[in-house]
N, C-alpha and C. Protein backbone atom coordinates (compact mmCIF):
# COMPACT_ATOMS: atom_id res chain seq x y z
N MET A 1 6.54 9.90 -16.48
CA MET A 1 5.39 10.07 -15.47
C MET A 1 5.61 10.79 -14.57
N LYS A 2 4.78 11.96 -14.00
CA LYS A 2 4.85 12.91 -12.87
C LYS A 2 4.01 12.53 -11.75
N LEU A 3 4.31 12.56 -10.61
CA LEU A 3 3.54 12.47 -9.60
C LEU A 3 3.92 13.59 -8.60
N THR A 4 2.85 14.50 -8.28
CA THR A 4 2.72 15.67 -7.66
C THR A 4 2.44 15.37 -6.22
N PHE A 5 3.35 15.52 -5.25
CA PHE A 5 2.68 15.51 -3.91
C PHE A 5 2.04 16.79 -3.30
N LYS A 6 1.25 16.83 -1.94
CA LYS A 6 0.72 17.85 -1.46
C LYS A 6 1.23 17.44 -0.11
N LYS A 7 1.64 18.36 0.74
CA LYS A 7 1.92 18.26 2.14
C LYS A 7 0.44 18.47 2.60
N LEU A 8 -0.26 18.01 3.72
CA LEU A 8 -1.37 18.21 4.21
C LEU A 8 -1.09 18.88 5.63
N ASP A 9 0.14 18.44 6.01
CA ASP A 9 1.05 18.86 7.51
C ASP A 9 2.17 18.99 7.02
N PRO A 10 2.72 20.20 7.73
CA PRO A 10 4.09 20.82 7.41
C PRO A 10 5.31 19.74 7.66
N ARG A 11 5.12 18.93 8.55
CA ARG A 11 5.83 18.07 9.14
C ARG A 11 5.77 16.73 8.36
N ALA A 12 4.99 16.56 7.46
CA ALA A 12 5.21 15.28 6.45
C ALA A 12 6.39 15.27 5.77
N VAL A 13 6.58 13.96 5.23
CA VAL A 13 7.81 13.80 4.67
C VAL A 13 7.55 13.12 3.45
N ILE A 14 8.18 13.74 2.27
CA ILE A 14 7.88 13.63 0.95
C ILE A 14 8.24 12.16 0.62
N PRO A 15 7.72 11.26 0.07
CA PRO A 15 8.22 9.97 -0.16
C PRO A 15 9.38 9.84 -1.03
N SER A 16 10.15 9.19 -0.76
CA SER A 16 11.30 9.09 -1.74
C SER A 16 11.78 7.59 -1.45
N ARG A 17 12.88 7.27 -2.53
CA ARG A 17 13.41 6.08 -2.40
C ARG A 17 14.87 5.93 -1.49
N ALA A 18 15.13 4.90 -0.95
CA ALA A 18 16.14 4.68 0.26
C ALA A 18 17.13 4.66 -0.94
N THR A 19 17.44 3.96 -1.76
CA THR A 19 18.55 3.74 -2.95
C THR A 19 17.86 4.12 -4.14
N SER A 20 19.06 4.29 -5.16
CA SER A 20 18.58 4.32 -6.67
C SER A 20 17.72 3.23 -7.35
N GLY A 21 17.97 2.15 -6.71
CA GLY A 21 17.31 0.84 -7.35
C GLY A 21 16.21 0.40 -6.50
N SER A 22 15.33 1.01 -5.41
CA SER A 22 14.30 0.88 -4.78
C SER A 22 13.24 0.96 -5.86
N ALA A 23 12.52 -0.06 -5.84
CA ALA A 23 10.91 -0.14 -6.30
C ALA A 23 10.26 1.00 -5.89
N GLY A 24 9.98 1.05 -4.29
CA GLY A 24 9.16 1.67 -3.95
C GLY A 24 9.60 2.85 -3.11
N LEU A 25 8.68 3.95 -2.86
CA LEU A 25 8.84 5.29 -2.19
C LEU A 25 8.64 4.95 -1.07
N ASP A 26 9.46 5.25 -0.07
CA ASP A 26 9.03 5.23 1.28
C ASP A 26 7.97 6.03 1.90
N LEU A 27 7.00 5.56 2.52
CA LEU A 27 5.93 6.60 3.23
C LEU A 27 6.21 6.53 4.80
N CYS A 28 6.26 7.57 5.39
CA CYS A 28 7.01 7.98 6.66
C CYS A 28 5.24 8.32 7.58
N ALA A 29 5.25 7.60 8.86
CA ALA A 29 4.12 8.36 9.52
C ALA A 29 4.51 9.67 9.88
N CYS A 30 3.28 10.40 10.31
CA CYS A 30 3.18 11.80 10.36
C CYS A 30 2.40 11.95 11.94
N LEU A 31 2.99 11.89 12.97
CA LEU A 31 2.44 12.00 14.09
C LEU A 31 2.56 13.03 15.14
N ASP A 32 1.50 13.56 16.03
CA ASP A 32 1.72 14.34 16.88
C ASP A 32 2.53 13.68 18.01
N ALA A 33 2.31 12.43 18.34
CA ALA A 33 2.88 11.42 19.34
C ALA A 33 3.01 10.25 19.01
N PRO A 34 3.91 9.47 19.53
CA PRO A 34 4.18 8.03 18.87
C PRO A 34 2.85 7.15 19.32
N VAL A 35 2.67 6.16 18.25
CA VAL A 35 1.37 5.21 18.64
C VAL A 35 1.84 3.80 18.79
N THR A 36 1.42 3.34 19.77
CA THR A 36 1.71 1.58 19.84
C THR A 36 0.55 0.79 19.73
N LEU A 37 1.00 -0.23 18.89
CA LEU A 37 0.23 -1.28 18.35
C LEU A 37 0.58 -2.47 19.32
N ALA A 38 -0.18 -3.05 20.12
CA ALA A 38 -0.38 -4.40 20.67
C ALA A 38 -0.31 -5.47 19.78
N PRO A 39 0.16 -6.14 20.18
CA PRO A 39 -0.21 -7.70 19.59
C PRO A 39 -1.38 -7.68 19.16
N GLY A 40 -2.12 -8.12 17.55
CA GLY A 40 -3.31 -8.29 16.96
C GLY A 40 -3.80 -6.85 16.92
N GLU A 41 -3.55 -5.81 17.37
CA GLU A 41 -4.01 -4.52 16.97
C GLU A 41 -3.77 -3.49 15.50
N ILE A 42 -4.89 -3.16 15.33
CA ILE A 42 -4.84 -2.49 13.89
C ILE A 42 -5.05 -0.78 14.19
N LYS A 43 -3.99 -0.13 13.62
CA LYS A 43 -4.27 1.62 13.88
C LYS A 43 -4.12 1.98 12.62
N MET A 44 -5.06 3.13 12.41
CA MET A 44 -4.83 4.01 11.24
C MET A 44 -3.70 4.77 11.25
N ILE A 45 -2.61 4.89 10.56
CA ILE A 45 -1.43 5.74 10.85
C ILE A 45 -1.36 6.93 9.49
N PRO A 46 -1.79 8.26 10.03
CA PRO A 46 -1.31 9.30 8.97
C PRO A 46 -0.01 9.43 8.46
N ILE A 47 -0.18 9.64 7.08
CA ILE A 47 0.96 10.07 6.64
C ILE A 47 1.27 11.70 6.25
N GLY A 48 0.30 12.19 6.07
CA GLY A 48 0.44 13.48 6.15
C GLY A 48 0.53 14.50 4.77
N ILE A 49 0.08 13.21 3.94
CA ILE A 49 0.14 14.08 2.28
C ILE A 49 -1.02 13.14 1.56
N THR A 50 -1.03 14.07 0.20
CA THR A 50 -2.03 13.58 -0.98
C THR A 50 -1.15 13.56 -1.92
N ALA A 51 -1.54 13.19 -3.17
CA ALA A 51 -0.77 13.00 -4.43
C ALA A 51 -1.65 12.93 -5.54
N GLN A 52 -1.04 13.36 -6.68
CA GLN A 52 -1.81 13.43 -7.80
C GLN A 52 -1.04 12.93 -8.99
N PRO A 53 -1.16 11.73 -9.80
CA PRO A 53 -0.49 11.30 -10.82
C PRO A 53 -1.17 12.27 -12.19
N ASP A 54 -0.16 12.32 -13.01
CA ASP A 54 -0.33 12.94 -14.35
C ASP A 54 -1.26 12.37 -15.32
N SER A 55 -1.75 11.06 -14.88
CA SER A 55 -2.57 10.42 -15.65
C SER A 55 -3.45 9.64 -15.00
N ASP A 56 -4.70 9.31 -15.62
CA ASP A 56 -5.71 8.55 -14.93
C ASP A 56 -5.31 7.16 -14.94
N ASP A 57 -4.60 6.52 -15.47
CA ASP A 57 -4.10 5.30 -16.03
C ASP A 57 -3.28 4.65 -14.86
N ILE A 58 -2.84 5.34 -13.65
CA ILE A 58 -1.94 5.44 -12.57
C ILE A 58 -2.71 5.09 -11.34
N ALA A 59 -2.44 3.84 -10.63
CA ALA A 59 -2.92 3.37 -9.63
C ALA A 59 -1.51 3.38 -8.47
N LEU A 60 -1.50 3.94 -7.31
CA LEU A 60 -0.57 4.11 -6.12
C LEU A 60 -0.78 3.02 -5.56
N LEU A 61 0.19 1.92 -5.73
CA LEU A 61 -0.17 0.72 -4.45
C LEU A 61 0.47 0.83 -3.34
N ILE A 62 0.26 0.61 -2.14
CA ILE A 62 0.81 0.76 -1.08
C ILE A 62 0.92 -0.70 -0.30
N TYR A 63 2.20 -1.04 -0.33
CA TYR A 63 2.71 -2.47 0.26
C TYR A 63 3.56 -2.05 1.57
N PRO A 64 3.62 -3.44 2.31
CA PRO A 64 4.42 -3.26 3.43
C PRO A 64 6.06 -2.87 3.38
N ARG A 65 6.36 -2.82 4.23
CA ARG A 65 7.71 -2.63 4.05
C ARG A 65 8.39 -4.09 4.86
N SER A 66 9.41 -5.07 3.91
CA SER A 66 9.74 -6.13 4.41
C SER A 66 10.49 -6.49 5.79
N GLY A 67 11.29 -4.87 6.30
CA GLY A 67 11.89 -5.18 7.32
C GLY A 67 10.94 -5.06 8.43
N LEU A 68 9.80 -4.31 8.72
CA LEU A 68 8.93 -4.14 9.54
C LEU A 68 8.23 -5.69 9.66
N SER A 69 7.98 -5.89 8.51
CA SER A 69 7.13 -7.42 8.51
C SER A 69 8.14 -8.65 9.16
N SER A 70 9.25 -8.80 8.59
CA SER A 70 9.99 -9.64 8.81
C SER A 70 10.84 -9.78 10.52
N LYS A 71 11.23 -8.99 10.88
CA LYS A 71 11.58 -8.67 12.30
C LYS A 71 10.69 -8.40 13.25
N PHE A 72 9.49 -7.48 13.06
CA PHE A 72 8.49 -7.20 14.01
C PHE A 72 7.20 -7.67 13.93
N GLY A 73 6.86 -8.10 12.93
CA GLY A 73 5.58 -8.79 12.30
C GLY A 73 4.67 -7.57 12.08
N VAL A 74 4.87 -6.44 11.89
CA VAL A 74 4.04 -5.44 11.75
C VAL A 74 3.97 -5.17 9.87
N SER A 75 2.55 -5.12 9.56
CA SER A 75 2.20 -5.41 8.19
C SER A 75 1.03 -4.20 8.02
N LEU A 76 0.73 -4.35 6.63
CA LEU A 76 -0.65 -3.83 6.27
C LEU A 76 -1.90 -4.44 6.55
N ALA A 77 -2.89 -4.05 7.27
CA ALA A 77 -4.13 -4.57 7.68
C ALA A 77 -4.86 -5.00 6.50
N ASN A 78 -4.68 -4.47 5.37
CA ASN A 78 -5.39 -4.55 4.08
C ASN A 78 -4.41 -5.08 2.95
N CYS A 79 -3.29 -5.52 3.16
CA CYS A 79 -2.13 -6.35 2.53
C CYS A 79 -1.76 -5.50 1.34
N VAL A 80 -2.49 -5.09 0.42
CA VAL A 80 -2.13 -3.68 -0.35
C VAL A 80 -2.99 -3.11 -0.44
N GLY A 81 -2.50 -1.52 -0.35
CA GLY A 81 -3.32 -0.38 -0.21
C GLY A 81 -3.87 -0.01 -1.84
N VAL A 82 -4.73 0.54 -2.00
CA VAL A 82 -4.57 1.11 -3.66
C VAL A 82 -5.25 2.74 -3.38
N VAL A 83 -4.50 3.39 -4.09
CA VAL A 83 -4.75 5.24 -4.11
C VAL A 83 -5.22 5.19 -5.62
N ASP A 84 -6.82 5.38 -5.71
CA ASP A 84 -7.02 5.49 -6.83
C ASP A 84 -6.53 7.21 -7.89
N SER A 85 -6.41 7.32 -8.84
CA SER A 85 -5.63 8.44 -9.37
C SER A 85 -6.54 9.78 -9.03
N ASP A 86 -8.04 9.30 -8.98
CA ASP A 86 -8.79 10.65 -8.50
C ASP A 86 -8.82 10.82 -7.40
N TYR A 87 -8.26 10.36 -6.44
CA TYR A 87 -8.32 10.50 -4.82
C TYR A 87 -7.58 11.75 -4.30
N ARG A 88 -8.09 12.68 -3.80
CA ARG A 88 -7.20 13.68 -3.22
C ARG A 88 -6.99 13.91 -1.79
N GLY A 89 -7.63 13.21 -0.94
CA GLY A 89 -7.76 13.26 0.31
C GLY A 89 -6.28 12.66 1.22
N ALA A 90 -6.72 12.64 2.25
CA ALA A 90 -5.52 12.52 3.19
C ALA A 90 -5.46 10.96 2.94
N TRP A 91 -3.79 10.59 3.17
CA TRP A 91 -3.56 9.15 3.28
C TRP A 91 -3.20 8.64 4.56
N PHE A 92 -3.63 7.57 4.71
CA PHE A 92 -3.93 6.64 6.05
C PHE A 92 -3.12 5.28 5.77
N VAL A 93 -2.32 4.67 6.51
CA VAL A 93 -1.74 3.22 6.33
C VAL A 93 -2.32 2.32 7.52
N PRO A 94 -3.08 1.47 7.10
CA PRO A 94 -3.82 0.63 8.16
C PRO A 94 -2.65 -0.30 8.52
N LEU A 95 -1.99 0.01 9.67
CA LEU A 95 -0.86 -1.24 10.21
C LEU A 95 -1.54 -2.11 11.08
N ILE A 96 -1.17 -3.29 11.18
CA ILE A 96 -1.15 -4.40 12.00
C ILE A 96 -0.08 -5.16 12.63
N ASN A 97 -0.10 -5.25 14.05
CA ASN A 97 0.85 -5.75 14.43
C ASN A 97 0.57 -7.52 14.70
N HIS A 98 1.34 -8.13 13.95
CA HIS A 98 1.21 -9.61 13.79
C HIS A 98 2.45 -10.35 15.05
N GLY A 99 3.35 -9.45 15.38
CA GLY A 99 3.82 -10.15 16.24
C GLY A 99 3.36 -10.49 17.66
N LYS A 100 4.68 -10.44 18.64
CA LYS A 100 4.26 -10.88 20.08
C LYS A 100 4.56 -9.88 21.00
N ASN A 101 5.16 -8.68 20.88
CA ASN A 101 5.18 -7.66 21.59
C ASN A 101 4.58 -6.50 20.81
N ASP A 102 4.30 -5.57 21.73
CA ASP A 102 4.18 -4.13 21.76
C ASP A 102 4.86 -3.29 20.14
N PHE A 103 4.61 -2.71 19.46
CA PHE A 103 5.32 -1.83 18.60
C PHE A 103 4.94 -0.60 18.63
N THR A 104 6.06 0.50 18.71
CA THR A 104 5.53 1.83 18.62
C THR A 104 6.30 2.54 17.36
N VAL A 105 5.34 3.07 16.73
CA VAL A 105 5.44 3.84 15.45
C VAL A 105 5.68 5.35 15.92
N GLU A 106 6.67 6.03 15.35
CA GLU A 106 7.06 7.34 15.83
C GLU A 106 6.90 7.84 14.53
N HIS A 107 6.76 9.41 14.58
CA HIS A 107 7.19 10.74 13.73
C HIS A 107 8.10 10.26 12.88
N GLY A 108 7.85 10.16 11.58
CA GLY A 108 8.92 10.08 10.60
C GLY A 108 9.49 8.67 10.30
N MET A 109 8.81 7.65 11.12
CA MET A 109 9.43 6.62 10.64
C MET A 109 8.61 6.08 9.45
N ARG A 110 9.37 5.14 8.72
CA ARG A 110 9.40 4.56 7.62
C ARG A 110 8.25 3.35 7.33
N ILE A 111 7.23 3.41 7.28
CA ILE A 111 6.17 2.17 7.57
C ILE A 111 5.45 1.80 6.66
N ALA A 112 5.89 2.16 5.16
CA ALA A 112 4.97 1.32 3.98
C ALA A 112 5.77 2.10 2.93
N GLN A 113 5.52 1.45 1.60
CA GLN A 113 5.89 1.87 0.61
C GLN A 113 5.02 1.97 -0.51
N MET A 114 5.42 2.81 -1.69
CA MET A 114 4.23 3.39 -2.69
C MET A 114 4.97 2.92 -3.69
N ILE A 115 4.04 2.14 -4.53
CA ILE A 115 4.69 1.82 -5.89
C ILE A 115 3.56 2.14 -7.21
N PRO A 116 4.00 3.70 -7.86
CA PRO A 116 2.86 3.77 -9.25
C PRO A 116 2.89 2.53 -10.09
N THR A 117 1.70 2.33 -10.41
CA THR A 117 1.55 1.40 -11.59
C THR A 117 0.45 1.66 -12.42
N ARG A 118 1.00 1.33 -13.51
CA ARG A 118 0.00 1.44 -14.82
C ARG A 118 -1.05 0.48 -14.75
N ILE A 119 -2.58 0.83 -15.16
CA ILE A 119 -3.74 -0.12 -14.77
C ILE A 119 -4.19 -0.24 -15.98
N LEU A 120 -4.87 -1.13 -16.51
CA LEU A 120 -5.68 -1.19 -17.56
C LEU A 120 -6.94 -0.77 -17.56
N MET A 121 -7.79 -0.10 -18.27
CA MET A 121 -9.03 0.44 -18.06
C MET A 121 -10.01 -0.57 -19.34
N PRO A 122 -10.35 -1.61 -18.83
CA PRO A 122 -10.97 -2.37 -20.08
C PRO A 122 -12.49 -1.77 -20.37
N GLU A 123 -12.76 -2.14 -21.61
CA GLU A 123 -14.03 -1.60 -21.76
C GLU A 123 -15.06 -2.98 -21.39
N ILE A 124 -16.14 -3.00 -20.78
CA ILE A 124 -16.66 -4.09 -20.02
C ILE A 124 -17.84 -4.61 -21.00
N GLU A 125 -17.91 -5.74 -21.04
CA GLU A 125 -18.92 -6.77 -21.64
C GLU A 125 -19.44 -7.68 -21.04
N VAL A 126 -20.89 -7.65 -21.03
CA VAL A 126 -21.57 -9.00 -20.59
C VAL A 126 -22.05 -10.02 -21.70
N SER A 127 -21.81 -11.38 -21.16
CA SER A 127 -22.09 -12.49 -22.23
C SER A 127 -22.79 -13.46 -21.52
N ASP A 128 -23.52 -14.31 -22.13
CA ASP A 128 -23.88 -15.79 -21.56
C ASP A 128 -22.94 -16.44 -21.51
N GLU A 129 -22.06 -16.30 -22.64
CA GLU A 129 -21.09 -17.57 -23.10
C GLU A 129 -19.25 -16.97 -22.92
N LEU A 130 -18.65 -17.69 -22.30
CA LEU A 130 -17.09 -17.50 -22.46
C LEU A 130 -16.50 -18.39 -23.33
N SER A 131 -15.44 -18.40 -23.61
CA SER A 131 -14.60 -19.70 -24.40
C SER A 131 -14.18 -20.58 -23.48
N ASP A 132 -14.01 -21.75 -24.25
CA ASP A 132 -13.60 -22.86 -23.24
C ASP A 132 -12.01 -22.91 -23.30
N THR A 133 -11.64 -23.53 -22.46
CA THR A 133 -10.05 -23.62 -21.94
C THR A 133 -9.76 -25.17 -21.73
N GLN A 134 -8.25 -25.25 -21.59
CA GLN A 134 -8.04 -26.45 -20.87
C GLN A 134 -8.55 -26.59 -19.69
N ARG A 135 -8.22 -25.58 -18.66
CA ARG A 135 -8.24 -25.64 -17.33
C ARG A 135 -9.89 -25.65 -17.09
N GLY A 136 -10.71 -24.98 -17.90
CA GLY A 136 -12.18 -24.70 -17.76
C GLY A 136 -12.58 -24.05 -16.35
N GLU A 137 -13.33 -25.08 -15.45
CA GLU A 137 -13.91 -24.35 -13.91
C GLU A 137 -12.91 -25.01 -12.99
N GLY A 138 -11.84 -25.65 -13.27
CA GLY A 138 -10.92 -26.26 -12.32
C GLY A 138 -10.40 -25.18 -11.54
N GLY A 139 -10.74 -25.06 -10.20
CA GLY A 139 -10.56 -23.89 -9.25
C GLY A 139 -9.41 -23.97 -8.30
N PHE A 140 -9.42 -23.87 -7.36
CA PHE A 140 -8.03 -23.74 -6.21
C PHE A 140 -7.62 -25.19 -6.12
N GLY A 141 -6.25 -25.27 -6.20
CA GLY A 141 -5.55 -26.56 -6.18
C GLY A 141 -5.98 -27.44 -7.42
N SER A 142 -6.65 -27.19 -8.40
CA SER A 142 -6.73 -27.85 -9.33
C SER A 142 -5.81 -28.51 -10.16
N SER A 143 -4.83 -27.36 -10.26
CA SER A 143 -3.56 -27.94 -10.86
C SER A 143 -2.32 -28.70 -10.14
N GLY A 144 -2.80 -28.94 -8.98
CA GLY A 144 -1.79 -29.49 -8.36
C GLY A 144 -0.98 -28.88 -7.91
N ILE A 145 0.08 -29.14 -6.80
CA ILE A 145 0.99 -28.77 -6.39
C ILE A 145 2.80 -29.01 -6.71
N ARG A 146 3.03 -29.99 -7.67
CA ARG A 146 4.10 -30.42 -8.22
C ARG A 146 3.64 -30.56 -9.84
């Protein structure tokens, strides 16, 4: 699989892996000035790039960085971001500060990680009947906790 990046800002950092075994490619903030997130605040942080996967069955999933989340309470407001294969616009990361203190994002800071993922493109069918299963309509908590 090939993923082609385009810088929308010359200062943007092309995503890369921190180590050879890293699953995600780090996404870096592309800012004119530092951005401070107060506790409970959400701000859209620009990345300064866009991308094109070489196949339509690729989604680019954006996840929080575990260090920011566990040390500072800073995560993604939407939990997991999805960049569709046909999207060519600018990327932004919606950060939220769940911590107790202000958190400042600076230019070049690694704020999220992106993992390319193959997706299924199912043929959609509508029916009045679905097959029976052992679980049936048992919903949240129906299988217990032990």
